[in-house]
Amino acid sequence: MRGHPENHLLSRLDRSTFAQLEPHLTIAELRQGFVIAETHAHVQRVYFPHGGIISCVVELINGAAIETGMIGLDGRLTD
């Protein structure tokens, strides 16, 4: 199977498309609290979590923050 065995999205790409992406794919271990994107910043990387949860947090004007979404394996495609 191409890509990571748990990544059904990448495994469903046709060979030509996957071949174009493959040189750019790496597995990264992220520590808790690591910020992967900032508001209004250009997208530099796309993450497909193999485990854990990516939390989407919005910082409010008063300095507080609220979680607006969570991304994890629960939404992955299944056969």
N, C-alpha and C. Protein backbone atom coordinates (compact mmCIF):
# COMPACT_ATOMS: atom_id res chain seq x y z
N MET A 1 0.84 -1.18 0.00
CA MET A 1 0.00 0.00 0.00
C MET A 1 0.88 1.24 0.00
N ARG A 2 0.48 2.23 -0.74
CA ARG A 2 1.22 3.49 -0.78
C ARG A 2 0.96 4.30 0.49
N GLY A 3 1.90 5.14 0.84
CA GLY A 3 1.71 6.03 1.97
C GLY A 3 1.66 5.28 3.29
N HIS A 4 1.06 5.89 4.26
CA HIS A 4 0.90 5.28 5.58
C HIS A 4 -0.30 4.34 5.54
N PRO A 5 -0.19 3.13 6.08
CA PRO A 5 -1.29 2.17 5.99
C PRO A 5 -2.60 2.64 6.62
N GLU A 6 -2.54 3.60 7.55
CA GLU A 6 -3.76 4.10 8.18
C GLU A 6 -4.37 5.28 7.43
N ASN A 7 -3.70 5.77 6.39
CA ASN A 7 -4.20 6.95 5.69
C ASN A 7 -4.96 6.53 4.44
N HIS A 8 -6.26 6.36 4.60
CA HIS A 8 -7.10 5.90 3.50
C HIS A 8 -7.22 6.94 2.39
N LEU A 9 -7.14 8.22 2.73
CA LEU A 9 -7.23 9.27 1.72
C LEU A 9 -6.06 9.17 0.74
N LEU A 10 -4.84 9.11 1.26
CA LEU A 10 -3.67 9.01 0.39
C LEU A 10 -3.65 7.69 -0.38
N SER A 11 -4.11 6.62 0.24
CA SER A 11 -4.08 5.31 -0.42
C SER A 11 -5.07 5.23 -1.57
N ARG A 12 -6.04 6.12 -1.62
CA ARG A 12 -7.04 6.11 -2.70
C ARG A 12 -6.65 6.97 -3.90
N LEU A 13 -5.55 7.68 -3.80
CA LEU A 13 -5.09 8.48 -4.94
C LEU A 13 -4.58 7.58 -6.05
N ASP A 14 -4.77 8.02 -7.30
CA ASP A 14 -4.20 7.23 -8.40
C ASP A 14 -2.68 7.33 -8.34
N ARG A 15 -2.00 6.37 -8.96
CA ARG A 15 -0.54 6.28 -8.86
C ARG A 15 0.18 7.55 -9.32
N SER A 16 -0.30 8.17 -10.37
CA SER A 16 0.34 9.37 -10.90
C SER A 16 0.26 10.53 -9.90
N THR A 17 -0.91 10.73 -9.33
CA THR A 17 -1.09 11.81 -8.35
C THR A 17 -0.25 11.55 -7.11
N PHE A 18 -0.28 10.30 -6.61
CA PHE A 18 0.50 9.97 -5.43
C PHE A 18 1.99 10.14 -5.70
N ALA A 19 2.45 9.78 -6.89
CA ALA A 19 3.87 9.93 -7.24
C ALA A 19 4.30 11.40 -7.18
N GLN A 20 3.41 12.31 -7.52
CA GLN A 20 3.73 13.74 -7.45
C GLN A 20 3.82 14.23 -6.00
N LEU A 21 3.00 13.65 -5.13
CA LEU A 21 2.99 14.06 -3.72
C LEU A 21 4.07 13.38 -2.89
N GLU A 22 4.40 12.15 -3.22
CA GLU A 22 5.27 11.32 -2.39
C GLU A 22 6.58 11.98 -1.96
N PRO A 23 7.28 12.70 -2.84
CA PRO A 23 8.54 13.32 -2.39
C PRO A 23 8.35 14.37 -1.28
N HIS A 24 7.13 14.83 -1.10
CA HIS A 24 6.85 15.87 -0.10
C HIS A 24 6.28 15.31 1.19
N LEU A 25 6.04 14.00 1.26
CA LEU A 25 5.43 13.39 2.43
C LEU A 25 6.48 12.96 3.45
N THR A 26 6.24 13.31 4.70
CA THR A 26 7.10 12.86 5.79
C THR A 26 6.21 12.56 6.99
N ILE A 27 6.72 11.74 7.88
CA ILE A 27 6.01 11.49 9.13
C ILE A 27 6.67 12.36 10.20
N ALA A 28 5.87 13.16 10.87
CA ALA A 28 6.38 14.07 11.90
C ALA A 28 5.73 13.74 13.23
N GLU A 29 6.54 13.71 14.27
CA GLU A 29 6.00 13.52 15.61
C GLU A 29 5.89 14.90 16.25
N LEU A 30 4.68 15.28 16.60
CA LEU A 30 4.43 16.61 17.16
C LEU A 30 4.19 16.51 18.66
N ARG A 31 4.75 17.44 19.40
CA ARG A 31 4.56 17.44 20.86
C ARG A 31 3.28 18.21 21.19
N GLN A 32 2.71 17.88 22.34
CA GLN A 32 1.50 18.55 22.81
C GLN A 32 1.77 20.05 22.91
N GLY A 33 0.85 20.85 22.41
CA GLY A 33 0.98 22.30 22.47
C GLY A 33 1.67 22.91 21.26
N PHE A 34 2.21 22.08 20.36
CA PHE A 34 2.88 22.58 19.17
C PHE A 34 1.85 23.27 18.26
N VAL A 35 2.13 24.47 17.81
CA VAL A 35 1.22 25.23 16.95
C VAL A 35 1.57 24.91 15.50
N ILE A 36 0.59 24.36 14.77
CA ILE A 36 0.86 24.00 13.37
C ILE A 36 0.41 25.06 12.38
N ALA A 37 -0.39 26.02 12.82
CA ALA A 37 -0.84 27.10 11.94
C ALA A 37 -1.27 28.31 12.76
N GLU A 38 -1.06 29.47 12.21
CA GLU A 38 -1.47 30.72 12.84
C GLU A 38 -2.57 31.35 11.97
N THR A 39 -3.45 32.10 12.60
CA THR A 39 -4.52 32.80 11.89
C THR A 39 -3.94 33.70 10.80
N HIS A 40 -4.52 33.63 9.61
CA HIS A 40 -4.18 34.45 8.45
C HIS A 40 -2.80 34.15 7.85
N ALA A 41 -2.12 33.14 8.34
CA ALA A 41 -0.81 32.78 7.78
C ALA A 41 -1.01 31.87 6.57
N HIS A 42 -0.06 31.90 5.66
CA HIS A 42 -0.11 31.02 4.49
C HIS A 42 0.07 29.57 4.93
N VAL A 43 -0.63 28.67 4.28
CA VAL A 43 -0.52 27.25 4.61
C VAL A 43 0.82 26.74 4.10
N GLN A 44 1.63 26.21 5.00
CA GLN A 44 2.94 25.69 4.65
C GLN A 44 2.94 24.17 4.59
N ARG A 45 2.13 23.53 5.44
CA ARG A 45 2.08 22.08 5.53
C ARG A 45 0.65 21.63 5.78
N VAL A 46 0.36 20.41 5.40
CA VAL A 46 -0.93 19.78 5.68
C VAL A 46 -0.64 18.55 6.52
N TYR A 47 -1.42 18.34 7.58
CA TYR A 47 -1.18 17.24 8.50
C TYR A 47 -2.32 16.22 8.41
N PHE A 48 -1.95 14.94 8.40
CA PHE A 48 -2.90 13.83 8.46
C PHE A 48 -2.55 13.07 9.74
N PRO A 49 -3.28 13.30 10.82
CA PRO A 49 -2.89 12.66 12.09
C PRO A 49 -3.02 11.14 12.04
N HIS A 50 -1.99 10.46 12.54
CA HIS A 50 -2.00 9.00 12.66
C HIS A 50 -2.56 8.59 14.01
N GLY A 51 -2.54 9.50 14.95
CA GLY A 51 -3.04 9.26 16.29
C GLY A 51 -3.17 10.58 17.00
N GLY A 52 -3.82 10.58 18.13
CA GLY A 52 -4.00 11.82 18.88
C GLY A 52 -5.05 12.70 18.24
N ILE A 53 -5.05 13.96 18.62
CA ILE A 53 -6.06 14.91 18.14
C ILE A 53 -5.39 16.24 17.84
N ILE A 54 -5.79 16.85 16.74
CA ILE A 54 -5.39 18.23 16.43
C ILE A 54 -6.55 19.11 16.88
N SER A 55 -6.25 20.07 17.72
CA SER A 55 -7.26 20.95 18.28
C SER A 55 -7.21 22.31 17.58
N CYS A 56 -8.37 22.78 17.12
CA CYS A 56 -8.46 24.10 16.50
C CYS A 56 -8.92 25.08 17.58
N VAL A 57 -8.09 26.07 17.85
CA VAL A 57 -8.34 27.01 18.95
C VAL A 57 -8.36 28.43 18.40
N VAL A 58 -9.32 29.20 18.85
CA VAL A 58 -9.42 30.61 18.48
C VAL A 58 -9.14 31.45 19.72
N GLU A 59 -8.19 32.36 19.59
CA GLU A 59 -7.88 33.27 20.69
C GLU A 59 -8.81 34.47 20.61
N LEU A 60 -9.43 34.79 21.72
CA LEU A 60 -10.38 35.91 21.78
C LEU A 60 -9.67 37.22 22.09
N ILE A 61 -10.34 38.32 21.86
CA ILE A 61 -9.76 39.65 22.08
C ILE A 61 -9.30 39.82 23.52
N ASN A 62 -10.02 39.24 24.47
CA ASN A 62 -9.68 39.40 25.88
C ASN A 62 -8.55 38.47 26.34
N GLY A 63 -7.99 37.70 25.40
CA GLY A 63 -6.88 36.81 25.73
C GLY A 63 -7.30 35.38 26.03
N ALA A 64 -8.59 35.18 26.25
CA ALA A 64 -9.09 33.81 26.46
C ALA A 64 -9.07 33.07 25.12
N ALA A 65 -9.27 31.78 25.17
CA ALA A 65 -9.30 30.97 23.96
C ALA A 65 -10.42 29.96 24.04
N ILE A 66 -10.98 29.61 22.88
CA ILE A 66 -12.00 28.57 22.82
C ILE A 66 -11.63 27.56 21.75
N GLU A 67 -11.96 26.31 22.02
CA GLU A 67 -11.71 25.26 21.03
C GLU A 67 -12.88 25.24 20.06
N THR A 68 -12.60 25.35 18.77
CA THR A 68 -13.66 25.40 17.77
C THR A 68 -13.76 24.11 16.96
N GLY A 69 -12.80 23.22 17.12
CA GLY A 69 -12.85 21.96 16.39
C GLY A 69 -11.75 21.03 16.81
N MET A 70 -11.97 19.75 16.51
CA MET A 70 -10.95 18.73 16.79
C MET A 70 -10.86 17.83 15.56
N ILE A 71 -9.64 17.46 15.21
CA ILE A 71 -9.39 16.61 14.05
C ILE A 71 -8.62 15.39 14.53
N GLY A 72 -9.15 14.23 14.22
CA GLY A 72 -8.50 12.99 14.62
C GLY A 72 -8.88 11.87 13.68
N LEU A 73 -8.63 10.65 14.10
CA LEU A 73 -8.91 9.49 13.26
C LEU A 73 -10.39 9.14 13.19
N ASP A 74 -11.23 9.73 14.02
CA ASP A 74 -12.64 9.36 14.03
C ASP A 74 -13.33 9.69 12.71
N GLY A 75 -12.81 10.64 11.95
CA GLY A 75 -13.41 11.01 10.68
C GLY A 75 -12.77 10.36 9.47
N ARG A 76 -11.90 9.40 9.68
CA ARG A 76 -11.19 8.79 8.55
C ARG A 76 -12.13 7.94 7.71
N LEU A 77 -11.75 7.78 6.47
CA LEU A 77 -12.52 6.95 5.54
C LEU A 77 -12.30 5.49 5.87
N THR A 78 -13.32 4.69 5.72
CA THR A 78 -13.19 3.25 5.92
C THR A 78 -13.65 2.53 4.66
N ASP A 79 -13.17 1.31 4.52
CA ASP A 79 -13.56 0.50 3.33
C ASP A 79 -14.94 -0.09 3.51
